Amino acid sequence: RAEGRTEAGRGAQPTAVGIAGRGPVPVDRRWFGHADQPRILVVGASAAPADLPKGTDLLIAPTDVPQPGWVLERLAERGIGSILLEGGPTTNASFLAADAIDELYWTIGARLLGNDALPIIAPIPGGSPWADHPREGRLVSIHRSGEELFVRYRFAGSGP
């Protein structure tokens, strides 16, 4: 895929974007070590790391928790028109509440945990605008890799 991206006039690797909120950012993680991939770290107003690894651009939100609309606007200013969001349940919920999810890639694998694992999307504060009329996804593709299934859904329209 890197070759195809280069032939199309883009960088070999897509820009990686990390979104953090109020807490400290663990800048020693592997994500910061990929020298060949451009990185943007988005943090809340009170969470800017003191020492940022080389090759990482920093965006500091005006709020303690970066809001999806603000994040998407800043990325659009840098020519980034779409993102693959691999967030936790709270981040996913905030992008859903902002109506900023148009596709869902869902990995299904048989792993039994037997604990209180987190959901893919946390409850939206104040209630979901789609609680009574869920957004309906259209199945786009299914891909099997080993013992996992990769399922992709597309959501048409916008708004609740």
Protein backbone atom coordinates (compact mmCIF):
# COMPACT_ATOMS: atom_id res chain seq x y z
CA ARG A 1 0.00 0.00 0.00
CA ALA A 2 2.92 2.34 0.65
CA GLU A 3 3.95 2.09 -3.01
CA GLY A 4 0.41 2.91 -4.17
CA ARG A 5 0.26 5.93 -1.85
CA THR A 6 3.60 7.16 -3.19
CA GLU A 7 2.49 6.69 -6.82
CA ALA A 8 -0.62 8.75 -6.02
CA GLY A 9 1.57 11.62 -4.77
CA ARG A 10 0.99 11.03 -1.07
CA GLY A 11 3.37 10.07 1.67
CA ALA A 12 4.21 6.38 2.01
CA GLN A 13 2.49 6.27 5.40
CA PRO A 14 -0.71 8.09 6.41
CA THR A 15 -0.49 10.64 9.20
CA ALA A 16 -1.03 9.06 12.61
CA VAL A 17 -3.12 11.16 14.98
CA GLY A 18 -3.24 10.55 18.71
CA ILE A 19 -5.93 12.20 20.83
CA ALA A 20 -5.43 12.61 24.57
CA GLY A 21 -7.53 14.37 27.15
CA ARG A 22 -6.71 15.57 30.64
CA GLY A 23 -4.11 13.04 31.76
CA PRO A 24 -0.40 12.74 31.09
CA VAL A 25 0.65 11.46 27.68
CA PRO A 26 3.00 8.44 27.81
CA VAL A 27 5.52 9.69 25.23
CA ASP A 28 7.68 6.57 25.68
CA ARG A 29 5.14 4.39 23.83
CA ARG A 30 5.92 2.65 20.55
CA TRP A 31 3.54 4.98 18.65
CA PHE A 32 6.09 7.79 18.97
CA GLY A 33 8.96 5.68 17.62
CA HIS A 34 7.94 5.30 13.97
CA ALA A 35 10.34 7.69 12.23
CA ASP A 36 8.83 7.11 8.77
CA GLN A 37 5.27 8.05 9.72
CA PRO A 38 4.14 11.64 10.27
CA ARG A 39 2.42 12.10 13.66
CA ILE A 40 0.11 14.65 15.19
CA LEU A 41 -0.66 14.54 18.90
CA VAL A 42 -3.84 16.32 19.97
CA VAL A 43 -4.08 17.10 23.68
CA GLY A 44 -6.35 18.96 26.03
CA ALA A 45 -5.41 22.44 27.24
CA SER A 46 -3.89 21.17 30.49
CA ALA A 47 -2.14 18.04 29.16
CA ALA A 48 0.65 19.23 26.87
CA PRO A 49 3.71 17.03 27.40
CA ALA A 50 6.89 18.86 28.41
CA ASP A 51 9.15 16.83 26.12
CA LEU A 52 7.65 15.68 22.83
CA PRO A 53 9.45 13.06 20.72
CA LYS A 54 11.03 14.33 17.50
CA GLY A 55 8.77 14.20 14.44
CA THR A 56 5.53 14.74 16.36
CA ASP A 57 3.42 17.85 15.74
CA LEU A 58 1.43 19.05 18.74
CA LEU A 59 -2.08 20.51 18.68
CA ILE A 60 -3.38 21.90 21.97
CA ALA A 61 -7.16 22.16 22.22
CA PRO A 62 -8.75 25.19 23.88
CA THR A 63 -10.61 22.81 26.23
CA ASP A 64 -9.38 20.10 28.63
CA VAL A 65 -10.80 17.39 26.37
CA PRO A 66 -10.37 17.93 22.60
CA GLN A 67 -13.79 18.17 20.95
CA PRO A 68 -14.36 16.21 17.72
CA GLY A 69 -15.37 19.25 15.65
CA TRP A 70 -12.28 21.18 16.72
CA VAL A 71 -10.02 18.18 16.02
CA LEU A 72 -11.51 17.60 12.55
CA GLU A 73 -11.20 21.31 11.68
CA ARG A 74 -7.51 21.40 12.67
CA LEU A 75 -6.81 18.24 10.68
CA ALA A 76 -8.66 19.62 7.64
CA GLU A 77 -6.40 22.70 7.82
CA ARG A 78 -3.50 20.26 7.34
CA GLY A 79 -5.14 18.59 4.34
CA ILE A 80 -6.46 15.57 6.24
CA GLY A 81 -10.01 14.88 5.07
CA SER A 82 -10.72 11.56 6.73
CA ILE A 83 -9.50 9.66 9.75
CA LEU A 84 -9.55 6.10 10.99
CA LEU A 85 -10.65 6.52 14.60
CA GLU A 86 -9.33 3.80 16.88
CA GLY A 87 -10.50 5.43 20.06
CA GLY A 88 -11.61 4.16 23.38
CA PRO A 89 -15.29 4.08 24.35
CA THR A 90 -15.40 7.75 25.48
CA THR A 91 -13.64 9.09 22.39
CA ASN A 92 -15.85 6.96 20.14
CA ALA A 93 -18.95 8.26 21.94
CA SER A 94 -17.86 11.88 21.49
CA PHE A 95 -17.35 11.40 17.73
CA LEU A 96 -20.73 9.62 17.47
CA ALA A 97 -22.46 12.43 19.39
CA ALA A 98 -20.84 14.93 16.98
CA ASP A 99 -22.22 12.88 14.05
CA ALA A 100 -18.65 12.36 12.84
CA ILE A 101 -18.78 8.62 12.18
CA ASP A 102 -19.70 7.56 8.67
CA GLU A 103 -18.18 4.07 8.65
CA LEU A 104 -17.51 1.37 11.20
CA TYR A 105 -14.74 -1.22 10.90
CA TRP A 106 -15.38 -3.93 13.42
CA THR A 107 -12.89 -6.68 14.23
CA ILE A 108 -14.46 -9.85 15.54
CA GLY A 109 -12.30 -12.49 17.18
CA ALA A 110 -12.99 -15.33 19.60
CA ARG A 111 -11.38 -14.24 22.85
CA LEU A 112 -13.14 -15.05 26.08
CA LEU A 113 -12.22 -12.67 28.87
CA GLY A 114 -14.75 -13.13 31.63
CA ASN A 115 -14.30 -9.61 32.97
CA ASP A 116 -15.91 -6.20 32.76
CA ALA A 117 -14.36 -5.23 29.40
CA LEU A 118 -15.27 -1.80 28.09
CA PRO A 119 -17.86 -1.40 25.33
CA ILE A 120 -16.91 -0.09 21.89
CA ILE A 121 -18.92 3.10 22.57
CA ALA A 122 -19.60 4.48 26.04
CA PRO A 123 -22.96 6.06 26.89
CA ILE A 124 -23.21 9.56 25.45
CA PRO A 125 -23.50 12.17 28.22
CA GLY A 126 -27.03 13.59 28.18
CA GLY A 127 -28.35 10.64 26.20
CA SER A 128 -27.89 9.43 22.67
CA PRO A 129 -29.64 11.38 19.90
CA TRP A 130 -30.12 7.98 18.19
CA ALA A 131 -31.64 6.11 21.15
CA ASP A 132 -35.14 6.01 19.61
CA HIS A 133 -34.09 5.89 15.96
CA PRO A 134 -30.72 4.13 15.63
CA ARG A 135 -28.48 4.96 12.70
CA GLU A 136 -28.69 2.02 10.33
CA GLY A 137 -25.48 0.78 8.79
CA ARG A 138 -25.14 -0.88 5.40
CA LEU A 139 -22.78 -3.84 5.22
CA VAL A 140 -19.94 -2.96 2.82
CA SER A 141 -17.50 -5.83 3.26
CA ILE A 142 -16.41 -8.81 5.30
CA HIS A 143 -12.83 -10.04 5.27
CA ARG A 144 -11.45 -13.09 7.05
CA SER A 145 -7.84 -13.10 8.22
CA GLY A 146 -6.89 -16.18 10.18
CA GLU A 147 -9.35 -16.51 13.03
CA GLU A 148 -10.65 -12.93 12.82
CA LEU A 149 -13.37 -11.25 10.80
CA PHE A 150 -13.11 -7.64 9.68
CA VAL A 151 -16.59 -6.25 9.10
CA ARG A 152 -17.18 -2.83 7.53
CA TYR A 153 -20.44 -0.87 7.69
CA ARG A 154 -21.28 2.51 6.09
CA PHE A 155 -23.79 4.93 7.57
CA ALA A 156 -25.67 7.16 5.13
CA GLY A 157 -26.90 10.64 5.90
CA SER A 158 -26.09 12.69 8.92
CA GLY A 159 -27.80 13.76 12.08
CA PRO A 160 -30.11 11.87 14.37
